[in-house]
């Protein structure tokens, strides 16, 4: 959904970037809840954090829920933290995407940065404490460990 939206037209304002990122979070959450229902499992079985980062020649746009972080390598050689890990009341506690109020807890960073991000598809990165090897990257897909399943 995110890729299709961006292929049609890139947002031009901070508000429109935030809306696109918010739609990606909502779609991911709906997918997880549908999967839980289909497999007759509680949504908590699919609890996960989510980082979404889009880097263009003109914009840095990030949506972030959970204990991960997103950084960008800028053309001046510095590394900027675009989003910091969210923390719960206790150590190692974070809000998963499957929680009832997850979409209200998403943090956004959307800013015009003409020509400031270094490289192509390698100028920004993210990580999550509980993350596994599988992810979908800008340059294609890499599979996760044998016990992981890709969610459409």
C-alpha atoms as a PDB file:
ATOM      1  CA  UNK A   1       0.000   0.000   0.000  1.00  0.00           C
ATOM      2  CA  UNK A   2       2.751   2.491   0.906  1.00  0.00           C
ATOM      3  CA  UNK A   3       4.728   1.746  -2.230  1.00  0.00           C
ATOM      4  CA  UNK A   4       1.634   2.068  -4.432  1.00  0.00           C
ATOM      5  CA  UNK A   5       0.713   5.392  -2.817  1.00  0.00           C
ATOM      6  CA  UNK A   6       4.213   6.779  -3.309  1.00  0.00           C
ATOM      7  CA  UNK A   7       4.370   5.530  -6.903  1.00  0.00           C
ATOM      8  CA  UNK A   8       1.269   7.597  -7.724  1.00  0.00           C
ATOM      9  CA  UNK A   9       2.636  10.879  -6.347  1.00  0.00           C
ATOM     10  CA  UNK A  10       5.006  11.964  -3.596  1.00  0.00           C
ATOM     11  CA  UNK A  11       3.501  14.099  -0.844  1.00  0.00           C
ATOM     12  CA  UNK A  12       4.563  17.749  -0.902  1.00  0.00           C
ATOM     13  CA  UNK A  13       3.902  18.858   2.692  1.00  0.00           C
ATOM     14  CA  UNK A  14       4.730  17.643   6.175  1.00  0.00           C
ATOM     15  CA  UNK A  15       1.038  17.012   6.867  1.00  0.00           C
ATOM     16  CA  UNK A  16       0.585  14.957   3.695  1.00  0.00           C
ATOM     17  CA  UNK A  17       3.690  12.860   4.485  1.00  0.00           C
ATOM     18  CA  UNK A  18       2.375  12.191   7.986  1.00  0.00           C
ATOM     19  CA  UNK A  19      -0.978  11.130   6.544  1.00  0.00           C
ATOM     20  CA  UNK A  20       0.691   8.653   4.151  1.00  0.00           C
ATOM     21  CA  UNK A  21       2.839   7.180   6.941  1.00  0.00           C
ATOM     22  CA  UNK A  22      -0.213   6.970   9.245  1.00  0.00           C
ATOM     23  CA  UNK A  23      -2.107   5.058   6.540  1.00  0.00           C
ATOM     24  CA  UNK A  24       0.784   2.571   6.319  1.00  0.00           C
ATOM     25  CA  UNK A  25       0.602   1.973  10.084  1.00  0.00           C
ATOM     26  CA  UNK A  26      -3.168   1.540   9.952  1.00  0.00           C
ATOM     27  CA  UNK A  27      -2.894  -0.957   7.067  1.00  0.00           C
ATOM     28  CA  UNK A  28      -0.185  -2.948   8.861  1.00  0.00           C
ATOM     29  CA  UNK A  29      -2.312  -3.064  12.018  1.00  0.00           C
ATOM     30  CA  UNK A  30      -5.413  -4.171  10.058  1.00  0.00           C
ATOM     31  CA  UNK A  31      -3.369  -6.924   8.404  1.00  0.00           C
ATOM     32  CA  UNK A  32      -2.151  -8.249  11.758  1.00  0.00           C
ATOM     33  CA  UNK A  33      -5.630  -8.162  13.306  1.00  0.00           C
ATOM     34  CA  UNK A  34      -7.098  -9.951  10.275  1.00  0.00           C
ATOM     35  CA  UNK A  35      -4.392 -12.604  10.501  1.00  0.00           C
ATOM     36  CA  UNK A  36      -5.083 -13.091  14.216  1.00  0.00           C
ATOM     37  CA  UNK A  37      -8.789 -13.494  13.530  1.00  0.00           C
ATOM     38  CA  UNK A  38      -8.217 -15.853  10.585  1.00  0.00           C
ATOM     39  CA  UNK A  39      -5.960 -18.073  12.649  1.00  0.00           C
ATOM     40  CA  UNK A  40      -8.166 -17.814  15.739  1.00  0.00           C
ATOM     41  CA  UNK A  41      -5.339 -16.382  17.823  1.00  0.00           C
ATOM     42  CA  UNK A  42      -5.263 -13.387  20.159  1.00  0.00           C
ATOM     43  CA  UNK A  43      -3.818 -10.195  18.598  1.00  0.00           C
ATOM     44  CA  UNK A  44      -1.127 -10.226  21.292  1.00  0.00           C
ATOM     45  CA  UNK A  45       0.380 -13.262  19.524  1.00  0.00           C
ATOM     46  CA  UNK A  46       1.254 -10.878  16.679  1.00  0.00           C
ATOM     47  CA  UNK A  47       2.552  -8.031  18.824  1.00  0.00           C
ATOM     48  CA  UNK A  48       5.313  -6.141  17.053  1.00  0.00           C
ATOM     49  CA  UNK A  49       6.878  -2.731  16.770  1.00  0.00           C
ATOM     50  CA  UNK A  50       7.091  -0.905  13.456  1.00  0.00           C
ATOM     51  CA  UNK A  51       9.433   1.596  11.845  1.00  0.00           C
ATOM     52  CA  UNK A  52       8.580   3.182   8.504  1.00  0.00           C
ATOM     53  CA  UNK A  53      11.123   5.467   6.847  1.00  0.00           C
ATOM     54  CA  UNK A  54      10.881   7.060   3.414  1.00  0.00           C
ATOM     55  CA  UNK A  55      13.858   8.968   2.060  1.00  0.00           C
ATOM     56  CA  UNK A  56      13.560  10.955  -1.161  1.00  0.00           C
ATOM     57  CA  UNK A  57      15.704  13.642  -2.730  1.00  0.00           C
ATOM     58  CA  UNK A  58      13.540  16.230  -0.966  1.00  0.00           C
ATOM     59  CA  UNK A  59      12.094  14.614   2.170  1.00  0.00           C
ATOM     60  CA  UNK A  60      12.793  12.479   5.225  1.00  0.00           C
ATOM     61  CA  UNK A  61       9.577  10.931   6.536  1.00  0.00           C
ATOM     62  CA  UNK A  62       9.451   8.549   9.493  1.00  0.00           C
ATOM     63  CA  UNK A  63       6.745   6.830  11.491  1.00  0.00           C
ATOM     64  CA  UNK A  64       7.843   4.987  14.602  1.00  0.00           C
ATOM     65  CA  UNK A  65       6.133   2.813  17.177  1.00  0.00           C
ATOM     66  CA  UNK A  66       8.158   0.917  19.740  1.00  0.00           C
ATOM     67  CA  UNK A  67      11.689   0.443  20.951  1.00  0.00           C
ATOM     68  CA  UNK A  68      13.560   0.915  17.677  1.00  0.00           C
ATOM     69  CA  UNK A  69      15.158   3.995  16.196  1.00  0.00           C
ATOM     70  CA  UNK A  70      15.768   5.543  12.779  1.00  0.00           C
ATOM     71  CA  UNK A  71      18.952   7.402  11.852  1.00  0.00           C
ATOM     72  CA  UNK A  72      20.076   9.189   8.675  1.00  0.00           C
ATOM     73  CA  UNK A  73      23.572   9.673   7.303  1.00  0.00           C
ATOM     74  CA  UNK A  74      23.694  13.259   6.086  1.00  0.00           C
ATOM     75  CA  UNK A  75      25.863  14.677   3.323  1.00  0.00           C
ATOM     76  CA  UNK A  76      27.955  16.647   5.812  1.00  0.00           C
ATOM     77  CA  UNK A  77      29.084  13.313   7.279  1.00  0.00           C
ATOM     78  CA  UNK A  78      26.985  13.509  10.438  1.00  0.00           C
ATOM     79  CA  UNK A  79      24.448  10.941  11.555  1.00  0.00           C
ATOM     80  CA  UNK A  80      21.127  12.345  12.740  1.00  0.00           C
ATOM     81  CA  UNK A  81      18.692  10.494  14.975  1.00  0.00           C
ATOM     82  CA  UNK A  82      15.268  10.922  13.403  1.00  0.00           C
ATOM     83  CA  UNK A  83      13.354   8.900  15.988  1.00  0.00           C
ATOM     84  CA  UNK A  84      14.365   7.577  19.381  1.00  0.00           C
ATOM     85  CA  UNK A  85      13.150   4.423  21.119  1.00  0.00           C
ATOM     86  CA  UNK A  86       9.816   4.817  22.875  1.00  0.00           C
ATOM     87  CA  UNK A  87       9.740   3.529  26.413  1.00  0.00           C
ATOM     88  CA  UNK A  88       6.969   2.267  28.612  1.00  0.00           C
ATOM     89  CA  UNK A  89       6.663   2.565  32.357  1.00  0.00           C
ATOM     90  CA  UNK A  90       9.035  -0.366  32.893  1.00  0.00           C
ATOM     91  CA  UNK A  91      12.333  -1.415  31.319  1.00  0.00           C
ATOM     92  CA  UNK A  92      11.966  -3.342  28.047  1.00  0.00           C
ATOM     93  CA  UNK A  93       8.289  -2.388  27.811  1.00  0.00           C
ATOM     94  CA  UNK A  94       6.888  -0.887  24.635  1.00  0.00           C
ATOM     95  CA  UNK A  95       3.541  -0.550  22.911  1.00  0.00           C
ATOM     96  CA  UNK A  96       2.911  -3.071  20.118  1.00  0.00           C
ATOM     97  CA  UNK A  97       1.126  -2.328  16.863  1.00  0.00           C
ATOM     98  CA  UNK A  98      -1.660  -4.733  17.839  1.00  0.00           C
ATOM     99  CA  UNK A  99      -2.617  -2.774  20.993  1.00  0.00           C
ATOM    100  CA  UNK A 100      -5.948  -0.934  21.003  1.00  0.00           C
ATOM    101  CA  UNK A 101      -4.456   2.572  21.052  1.00  0.00           C
ATOM    102  CA  UNK A 102      -1.299   1.873  19.022  1.00  0.00           C
ATOM    103  CA  UNK A 103      -2.117   4.294  16.221  1.00  0.00           C
ATOM    104  CA  UNK A 104      -2.312   7.210  18.667  1.00  0.00           C
ATOM    105  CA  UNK A 105       1.172   6.411  19.975  1.00  0.00           C
ATOM    106  CA  UNK A 106       2.985   6.563  16.613  1.00  0.00           C
ATOM    107  CA  UNK A 107       5.708   9.227  16.567  1.00  0.00           C
ATOM    108  CA  UNK A 108       6.283  11.095  13.294  1.00  0.00           C
ATOM    109  CA  UNK A 109       9.239  12.950  11.831  1.00  0.00           C
ATOM    110  CA  UNK A 110       8.609  14.541   8.443  1.00  0.00           C
ATOM    111  CA  UNK A 111      10.899  17.253   7.155  1.00  0.00           C
ATOM    112  CA  UNK A 112      12.033  18.674   3.842  1.00  0.00           C
ATOM    113  CA  UNK A 113      15.763  17.947   3.506  1.00  0.00           C
ATOM    114  CA  UNK A 114      16.710  18.773  -0.092  1.00  0.00           C
ATOM    115  CA  UNK A 115      19.854  16.867  -0.951  1.00  0.00           C
ATOM    116  CA  UNK A 116      20.885  16.272   2.669  1.00  0.00           C
ATOM    117  CA  UNK A 117      20.705  12.475   2.858  1.00  0.00           C
ATOM    118  CA  UNK A 118      23.811  10.697   1.639  1.00  0.00           C
ATOM    119  CA  UNK A 119      23.635   7.841  -0.811  1.00  0.00           C
ATOM    120  CA  UNK A 120      20.773   6.046  -2.492  1.00  0.00           C
ATOM    121  CA  UNK A 121      18.643   3.819  -0.263  1.00  0.00           C
ATOM    122  CA  UNK A 122      21.581   3.526   2.140  1.00  0.00           C
ATOM    123  CA  UNK A 123      21.339   6.955   3.695  1.00  0.00           C
ATOM    124  CA  UNK A 124      18.899   5.977   6.431  1.00  0.00           C
ATOM    125  CA  UNK A 125      18.451   2.940   8.606  1.00  0.00           C
ATOM    126  CA  UNK A 126      16.437   1.642  11.510  1.00  0.00           C
ATOM    127  CA  UNK A 127      16.548  -1.059  14.112  1.00  0.00           C
ATOM    128  CA  UNK A 128      14.390  -2.515  16.819  1.00  0.00           C
ATOM    129  CA  UNK A 129      15.436  -4.230  20.030  1.00  0.00           C
ATOM    130  CA  UNK A 130      13.307  -7.295  19.375  1.00  0.00           C
ATOM    131  CA  UNK A 131      13.924  -7.351  15.628  1.00  0.00           C
ATOM    132  CA  UNK A 132      14.803 -10.438  13.626  1.00  0.00           C
ATOM    133  CA  UNK A 133      16.762 -10.610  10.396  1.00  0.00           C
ATOM    134  CA  UNK A 134      13.795 -10.488   8.017  1.00  0.00           C
ATOM    135  CA  UNK A 135      12.747  -7.152   6.582  1.00  0.00           C
ATOM    136  CA  UNK A 136      11.691  -5.495   3.382  1.00  0.00           C
ATOM    137  CA  UNK A 137      14.265  -3.008   2.196  1.00  0.00           C
ATOM    138  CA  UNK A 138      14.310  -0.279  -0.409  1.00  0.00           C
ATOM    139  CA  UNK A 139      16.289  -2.450  -2.830  1.00  0.00           C
ATOM    140  CA  UNK A 140      14.147  -5.598  -2.510  1.00  0.00           C
ATOM    141  CA  UNK A 141      13.320  -8.300  -0.012  1.00  0.00           C
ATOM    142  CA  UNK A 142      15.496 -10.480   2.195  1.00  0.00           C
ATOM    143  CA  UNK A 143      13.959 -13.473   3.860  1.00  0.00           C
ATOM    144  CA  UNK A 144      13.921 -13.948   7.603  1.00  0.00           C
ATOM    145  CA  UNK A 145      14.886 -16.995   9.621  1.00  0.00           C
ATOM    146  CA  UNK A 146      13.256 -20.335   8.736  1.00  0.00           C
ATOM    147  CA  UNK A 147      10.516 -19.947  11.349  1.00  0.00           C
ATOM    148  CA  UNK A 148       9.419 -16.499  10.194  1.00  0.00           C
ATOM    149  CA  UNK A 149       6.441 -15.814   7.930  1.00  0.00           C
ATOM    150  CA  UNK A 150       5.995 -12.853   5.663  1.00  0.00           C
ATOM    151  CA  UNK A 151       2.716 -11.066   6.161  1.00  0.00           C
ATOM    152  CA  UNK A 152       1.196  -9.750   2.901  1.00  0.00           C
END
